[in-house]
Amino acid sequence: MDAATLAEARAEEENVPVLPSLNQLRPEEMLAEIPEYKPVAKKVSRGLHDLVLKGGQPARMAADLLHGTWLGHPLHSVLTDLTIGAWTFGSLMDLFSLGGHRQSNERAADRLIALGTASALPTALTGLADYSTIPEGALATGATHGLINTAALALYGLSMALRKKGSRPLAMILSGAGLGLILVSSWLGGHLAYHYKVGVNRAKDPGKPKPWVAVVDDEDLPEDKPLRVEVDEKPVLVYRHLGEIFAIGADCAHEAGPLDEGKFEGCQVECPWHQSVYDLRTGRVVHGPATNPEPVYKTRVKQGKVELRLKD
C-alpha cells in the first residue's frame, strides 16, 4: 500500500475528509459532466482540420509552419515560454515598482506585459493548429486550456489599455488575475503533454542498427501494396513502388496512426488519422501535424527474401 492510499485509509477510519492531490484530479472527467462540452469541442477541432485540408497546398504549408514541422518539434511550446515568461516577469516588475526605483520598474513592467501580449497572438495560432488534430481523449482538456488562455489574454489587453491611461492600480490587478489564469492553464498544458502525450513523438524507437532481417518473400510483396511487418518487435511499413522497395516506421509519429492503412501517392504516404504525410525514401515529414520523422530502413532482396536493416 502506497503512502497516498495509506493516508486515505487512516482518514476514513478517523472520519476526516481527504482533499484530492493534483495528480488525482482528472480535468477531462470533470469537464465531461458538462452537457455538450466535448461534442462542441470536437466539432470545433475537426472543423479547423477540415478547413486546412480544403485549403489545399497553401493552407497545409501555413499549418506546417504553425505546427512546427520545419522545427522538428511543436512550435507552440517554444512560444508559450516567451509569452508566460514575459507576463510573469512583468508582474514581478509591477511588485518591485511598489518599492524603490518606481519609474524604471514601471517601464520594465509595461514593456514586458506588452511583449507577452504581442507574443500571445502567434502562440494562440500555433495552439489552434495543434488543437485541430488533438487526440479525441484530450479534446475537453485542450478546449479548456484554450478558453482560459483567451480569458487571460483579454485581461492582459485591458491591463495594457489601463496602463496607457495611467490607471496602474487596476491594471496591476487585472494582469495579476491574468497571471493566475495562465498558471492554471499551464498546469492543463502539462497534463496535455505528459498525460495525453500531445506533441510527443509517438513513433517507436527502433534502437541501434542490427544485422539484416528477412521479413517476407519477395513474391509476396506486390507493387503498390503496403505491408506491415515487425523488425526487432518494432512495426515497419514495407512498400514497393516502381520496382523499388521502401521501409519506414509503421506508426505515425503524431498519434501512432497505422501508416500501412494510409493513402499512398508516389513515394509518399498519408496517415489515415490526421493526414500527416511522410516521404517513404527518407522518412521525413512532408506535411504535419507530425513534427518528427519516421525511422528509415535499408532494403534488399537476397535469395528470394526481402531483407531490412535500420539505417544509421
Protein backbone atom coordinates (compact mmCIF):
# COMPACT_ATOMS: atom_id res chain seq x y z
CA MET A 1 0.00 0.00 0.00
CA ASP A 2 1.50 3.36 -1.07
CA ALA A 3 1.59 6.48 1.10
CA ALA A 4 -1.41 8.14 -0.57
CA THR A 5 -3.61 5.05 -0.16
CA LEU A 6 -2.49 4.63 3.45
CA ALA A 7 -3.34 8.26 4.21
CA GLU A 8 -6.81 7.81 2.70
CA ALA A 9 -7.41 4.67 4.78
CA ARG A 10 -6.42 6.41 8.01
CA ALA A 11 -8.55 9.44 7.17
CA GLU A 12 -11.53 7.19 6.51
CA GLU A 13 -11.10 5.47 9.88
CA GLU A 14 -10.92 8.84 11.63
CA ASN A 15 -13.79 10.26 9.55
CA VAL A 16 -11.60 13.06 8.22
CA PRO A 17 -12.29 14.36 4.68
CA VAL A 18 -9.38 13.91 2.25
CA LEU A 19 -8.64 16.51 -0.39
CA PRO A 20 -7.53 15.05 -3.74
CA SER A 21 -3.94 15.63 -4.75
CA LEU A 22 -3.19 17.35 -8.04
CA ASN A 23 -2.20 14.11 -9.75
CA GLN A 24 -5.56 12.60 -8.79
CA LEU A 25 -7.52 15.37 -10.49
CA ARG A 26 -8.79 14.46 -13.95
CA PRO A 27 -9.88 17.59 -15.83
CA GLU A 28 -11.38 15.57 -18.67
CA GLU A 29 -13.63 13.66 -16.25
CA MET A 30 -14.90 16.85 -14.63
CA LEU A 31 -15.46 18.56 -17.98
CA ALA A 32 -17.22 15.52 -19.40
CA GLU A 33 -20.03 16.22 -16.96
CA ILE A 34 -20.84 19.48 -18.76
CA PRO A 35 -23.60 18.79 -21.34
CA GLU A 36 -22.44 19.11 -24.97
CA TYR A 37 -18.99 20.37 -23.93
CA LYS A 38 -16.97 17.60 -25.54
CA PRO A 39 -19.14 17.30 -28.71
CA VAL A 40 -18.80 21.05 -29.32
CA ALA A 41 -15.05 20.88 -28.63
CA LYS A 42 -14.74 18.05 -31.15
CA LYS A 43 -16.79 19.90 -33.75
CA VAL A 44 -14.55 22.95 -33.49
CA SER A 45 -11.36 20.86 -33.63
CA ARG A 46 -12.36 18.79 -36.63
CA GLY A 47 -13.85 21.83 -38.34
CA LEU A 48 -10.48 23.58 -38.18
CA HIS A 49 -8.74 20.49 -39.55
CA ASP A 50 -11.22 20.24 -42.42
CA LEU A 51 -10.60 23.89 -43.31
CA VAL A 52 -6.87 23.20 -43.57
CA LEU A 53 -7.40 20.15 -45.80
CA LYS A 54 -9.88 22.00 -48.03
CA GLY A 55 -7.50 24.95 -48.36
CA GLY A 56 -5.08 22.93 -50.46
CA GLN A 57 -1.32 23.32 -50.56
CA PRO A 58 -1.16 26.94 -49.28
CA ALA A 59 -3.27 26.09 -46.22
CA ARG A 60 -1.23 22.97 -45.50
CA MET A 61 2.02 24.92 -45.71
CA ALA A 62 0.66 27.54 -43.32
CA ALA A 63 -0.45 24.78 -40.93
CA ASP A 64 3.00 23.15 -41.19
CA LEU A 65 4.56 26.47 -40.17
CA LEU A 66 2.27 26.69 -37.13
CA HIS A 67 2.68 23.03 -36.15
CA GLY A 68 6.48 23.34 -36.21
CA THR A 69 7.03 20.65 -38.86
CA TRP A 70 10.10 22.60 -40.01
CA LEU A 71 11.40 22.84 -36.44
CA GLY A 72 11.37 19.16 -35.52
CA HIS A 73 9.03 19.61 -32.54
CA PRO A 74 5.88 21.67 -31.83
CA LEU A 75 6.32 25.43 -32.24
CA HIS A 76 3.63 26.11 -29.63
CA SER A 77 5.85 25.05 -26.73
CA VAL A 78 8.58 27.48 -27.84
CA LEU A 79 6.25 30.46 -28.00
CA THR A 80 4.50 29.69 -24.71
CA ASP A 81 7.83 30.05 -22.91
CA LEU A 82 8.24 33.56 -24.31
CA THR A 83 4.67 34.61 -23.51
CA ILE A 84 4.48 33.17 -20.00
CA GLY A 85 7.99 34.35 -19.17
CA ALA A 86 7.27 37.94 -20.25
CA TRP A 87 3.98 38.09 -18.36
CA THR A 88 5.49 36.55 -15.22
CA PHE A 89 8.43 38.94 -15.09
CA GLY A 90 6.10 41.81 -15.93
CA SER A 91 4.08 41.04 -12.80
CA LEU A 92 7.30 40.83 -10.78
CA MET A 93 8.37 44.27 -12.01
CA ASP A 94 4.91 45.55 -11.03
CA LEU A 95 5.59 44.35 -7.50
CA PHE A 96 9.07 45.90 -7.48
CA SER A 97 7.58 49.22 -8.59
CA LEU A 98 5.74 49.39 -5.27
CA GLY A 99 9.12 49.71 -3.63
CA GLY A 100 12.12 51.63 -4.95
CA HIS A 101 13.01 52.79 -8.49
CA ARG A 102 9.34 53.20 -9.26
CA GLN A 103 9.52 54.73 -12.74
CA SER A 104 12.13 52.34 -14.16
CA ASN A 105 10.33 49.31 -12.76
CA GLU A 106 7.01 50.53 -14.14
CA ARG A 107 8.53 50.98 -17.60
CA ALA A 108 10.03 47.50 -17.45
CA ALA A 109 6.71 46.02 -16.33
CA ASP A 110 4.79 47.75 -19.12
CA ARG A 111 7.24 46.60 -21.79
CA LEU A 112 7.22 43.01 -20.55
CA ILE A 113 3.41 42.93 -20.40
CA ALA A 114 3.30 44.35 -23.95
CA LEU A 115 5.83 41.76 -25.16
CA GLY A 116 3.88 38.90 -23.61
CA THR A 117 0.60 40.16 -25.09
CA ALA A 118 2.13 40.56 -28.56
CA SER A 119 3.67 37.07 -28.49
CA ALA A 120 0.38 35.60 -27.21
CA LEU A 121 -1.21 36.10 -30.63
CA PRO A 122 1.12 33.79 -32.62
CA THR A 123 1.16 31.47 -29.60
CA ALA A 124 -2.61 31.21 -29.83
CA LEU A 125 -2.43 30.48 -33.58
CA THR A 126 0.02 27.62 -33.02
CA GLY A 127 -2.23 26.32 -30.26
CA LEU A 128 -5.25 26.36 -32.59
CA ALA A 129 -3.26 24.47 -35.22
CA ASP A 130 -2.33 21.78 -32.70
CA TYR A 131 -5.89 21.70 -31.36
CA SER A 132 -7.21 20.95 -34.85
CA THR A 133 -5.59 17.49 -34.69
CA ILE A 134 -5.64 16.87 -30.94
CA PRO A 135 -6.35 13.27 -29.78
CA GLU A 136 -10.03 12.74 -29.07
CA GLY A 137 -9.47 11.87 -25.41
CA ALA A 138 -7.79 15.24 -24.85
CA LEU A 139 -10.44 17.37 -26.58
CA ALA A 140 -12.16 18.70 -23.46
CA THR A 141 -8.90 19.47 -21.66
CA GLY A 142 -7.46 21.14 -24.76
CA ALA A 143 -10.58 23.27 -25.22
CA THR A 144 -10.45 24.41 -21.61
CA HIS A 145 -6.74 25.20 -21.95
CA GLY A 146 -7.54 27.44 -24.92
CA LEU A 147 -10.52 29.16 -23.28
CA ILE A 148 -8.54 30.01 -20.13
CA ASN A 149 -5.71 31.39 -22.27
CA THR A 150 -8.21 33.54 -24.17
CA ALA A 151 -9.57 34.96 -20.91
CA ALA A 152 -6.02 35.68 -19.70
CA LEU A 153 -5.18 37.45 -22.96
CA ALA A 154 -8.29 39.62 -22.59
CA LEU A 155 -7.25 40.60 -19.06
CA TYR A 156 -3.74 41.50 -20.17
CA GLY A 157 -5.15 43.50 -23.09
CA LEU A 158 -7.32 45.52 -20.70
CA SER A 159 -4.35 45.92 -18.38
CA MET A 160 -2.28 47.41 -21.20
CA ALA A 161 -5.05 49.86 -22.08
CA LEU A 162 -5.35 50.99 -18.44
CA ARG A 163 -1.58 51.39 -18.15
CA LYS A 164 -1.63 53.82 -21.06
CA LYS A 165 -4.38 55.81 -19.34
CA GLY A 166 -2.42 55.92 -16.11
CA SER A 167 -4.76 53.65 -14.12
CA ARG A 168 -1.95 51.47 -12.79
CA PRO A 169 -3.58 50.00 -9.65
CA LEU A 170 -6.47 48.45 -11.60
CA ALA A 171 -4.10 47.49 -14.43
CA MET A 172 -1.89 45.60 -11.99
CA ILE A 173 -4.90 43.79 -10.52
CA LEU A 174 -6.03 42.68 -13.99
CA SER A 175 -2.58 41.48 -15.05
CA GLY A 176 -2.23 39.65 -11.73
CA ALA A 177 -5.55 37.90 -12.35
CA GLY A 178 -4.37 37.07 -15.87
CA LEU A 179 -1.19 35.52 -14.46
CA GLY A 180 -3.29 33.38 -12.12
CA LEU A 181 -5.29 32.07 -15.08
CA ILE A 182 -2.10 31.38 -17.01
CA LEU A 183 -0.73 29.28 -14.16
CA VAL A 184 -3.89 27.14 -14.20
CA SER A 185 -3.72 26.89 -17.98
CA SER A 186 -0.04 25.91 -17.79
CA TRP A 187 -0.96 23.04 -15.48
CA LEU A 188 -3.52 21.89 -18.06
CA GLY A 189 -0.86 22.25 -20.76
CA GLY A 190 1.42 19.95 -18.79
CA HIS A 191 -1.47 17.50 -18.47
CA LEU A 192 -1.88 17.55 -22.25
CA ALA A 193 1.82 16.91 -22.86
CA TYR A 194 2.62 14.38 -20.14
CA HIS A 195 -0.69 12.57 -19.72
CA TYR A 196 -2.08 12.63 -23.26
CA LYS A 197 1.32 12.96 -24.96
CA VAL A 198 0.10 15.73 -27.27
CA GLY A 199 3.05 16.80 -29.43
CA VAL A 200 5.22 13.92 -28.23
CA ASN A 201 6.96 11.68 -30.77
CA ARG A 202 4.77 8.56 -30.95
CA ALA A 203 6.93 6.63 -33.44
CA LYS A 204 8.54 3.55 -31.93
CA ASP A 205 12.25 3.95 -31.19
CA PRO A 206 13.96 1.34 -33.38
CA GLY A 207 17.16 1.31 -31.33
CA LYS A 208 20.54 0.83 -32.98
CA PRO A 209 21.18 -0.74 -36.41
CA LYS A 210 21.29 -4.54 -36.31
CA PRO A 211 22.05 -7.26 -38.91
CA TRP A 212 19.78 -7.74 -41.93
CA VAL A 213 16.43 -9.36 -41.15
CA ALA A 214 14.29 -11.25 -43.66
CA VAL A 215 10.65 -10.14 -43.34
CA VAL A 216 8.76 -11.51 -46.35
CA ASP A 217 9.17 -13.50 -49.55
CA ASP A 218 9.92 -11.22 -52.49
CA GLU A 219 7.00 -12.68 -54.46
CA ASP A 220 4.61 -11.83 -51.61
CA LEU A 221 5.29 -8.09 -51.85
CA PRO A 222 3.32 -6.87 -54.88
CA GLU A 223 3.65 -3.43 -56.43
CA ASP A 224 1.92 -0.58 -54.57
CA LYS A 225 0.55 -2.82 -51.81
CA PRO A 226 1.64 -1.82 -48.28
CA LEU A 227 2.74 -4.47 -45.84
CA ARG A 228 3.13 -4.16 -42.06
CA VAL A 229 5.89 -6.29 -40.55
CA GLU A 230 7.95 -6.35 -37.36
CA VAL A 231 11.68 -5.88 -37.06
CA ASP A 232 13.06 -6.42 -33.56
CA GLU A 233 9.47 -6.13 -32.26
CA LYS A 234 9.06 -2.69 -33.89
CA PRO A 235 6.34 -2.11 -36.55
CA VAL A 236 7.67 -1.33 -40.01
CA LEU A 237 5.86 -0.35 -43.22
CA VAL A 238 7.23 -2.03 -46.35
CA TYR A 239 6.14 -0.71 -49.75
CA ARG A 240 7.22 -1.45 -53.33
CA HIS A 241 6.82 1.30 -55.91
CA LEU A 242 8.14 1.21 -59.49
CA GLY A 243 10.22 -1.82 -58.53
CA GLU A 244 11.96 -0.09 -55.61
CA ILE A 245 11.30 -1.22 -52.04
CA PHE A 246 10.93 1.31 -49.21
CA ALA A 247 10.63 0.73 -45.47
CA ILE A 248 9.90 3.22 -42.67
CA GLY A 249 8.33 3.06 -39.20
CA ALA A 250 4.70 1.97 -39.44
CA ASP A 251 3.28 4.08 -36.59
CA CYS A 252 2.71 7.77 -37.27
CA ALA A 253 4.87 9.98 -35.06
CA HIS A 254 1.90 12.25 -34.35
CA GLU A 255 -0.51 9.82 -32.70
CA ALA A 256 0.71 6.34 -33.71
CA GLY A 257 -1.77 6.06 -36.57
CA PRO A 258 -1.26 2.97 -38.82
CA LEU A 259 0.60 4.24 -41.87
CA ASP A 260 0.08 0.92 -43.64
CA GLU A 261 -3.63 1.82 -43.77
CA GLY A 262 -2.94 5.25 -45.18
CA LYS A 263 -3.14 6.80 -48.62
CA PHE A 264 -0.15 6.27 -50.93
CA GLU A 265 0.87 8.59 -53.73
CA GLY A 266 4.18 8.01 -55.44
CA CYS A 267 6.86 7.85 -52.76
CA GLN A 268 4.66 9.43 -50.08
CA VAL A 269 2.20 8.05 -47.52
CA GLU A 270 -0.56 9.98 -45.75
CA CYS A 271 -1.63 8.89 -42.26
CA PRO A 272 -5.34 7.92 -42.17
CA TRP A 273 -5.93 9.59 -38.79
CA HIS A 274 -4.76 13.20 -39.09
CA GLN A 275 -3.28 13.27 -42.61
CA SER A 276 0.40 13.70 -41.75
CA VAL A 277 2.44 12.98 -44.89
CA TYR A 278 5.84 11.23 -44.94
CA ASP A 279 8.44 10.65 -47.62
CA LEU A 280 8.97 6.89 -47.93
CA ARG A 281 12.53 7.41 -49.17
CA THR A 282 13.79 9.46 -46.23
CA GLY A 283 11.10 9.19 -43.51
CA ARG A 284 10.95 12.99 -43.28
CA VAL A 285 7.69 14.83 -42.64
CA VAL A 286 6.27 16.40 -45.79
CA HIS A 287 3.14 17.79 -44.09
CA GLY A 288 2.11 17.95 -40.43
CA PRO A 289 0.67 17.81 -37.87
CA ALA A 290 3.55 15.38 -37.23
CA THR A 291 6.84 17.12 -36.47
CA ASN A 292 9.16 14.11 -36.06
CA PRO A 293 10.47 11.92 -38.91
CA GLU A 294 9.99 8.17 -39.15
CA PRO A 295 12.90 5.71 -38.77
CA VAL A 296 14.13 4.51 -42.15
CA TYR A 297 15.33 1.03 -43.11
CA LYS A 298 17.66 -0.15 -45.86
CA THR A 299 16.12 -2.79 -48.10
CA ARG A 300 17.44 -5.56 -50.31
CA VAL A 301 16.30 -8.81 -51.88
CA LYS A 302 18.50 -11.81 -51.14
CA GLN A 303 17.74 -15.41 -52.03
CA GLY A 304 14.11 -14.56 -52.72
CA LYS A 305 13.61 -12.78 -49.38
CA VAL A 306 13.06 -9.08 -48.71
CA GLU A 307 15.51 -8.08 -46.00
CA LEU A 308 15.57 -4.92 -43.88
CA ARG A 309 18.21 -3.19 -41.80
CA LEU A 310 17.84 0.07 -39.84
CA LYS A 311 19.78 2.94 -41.40
CA ASP A 312 22.46 4.66 -39.34
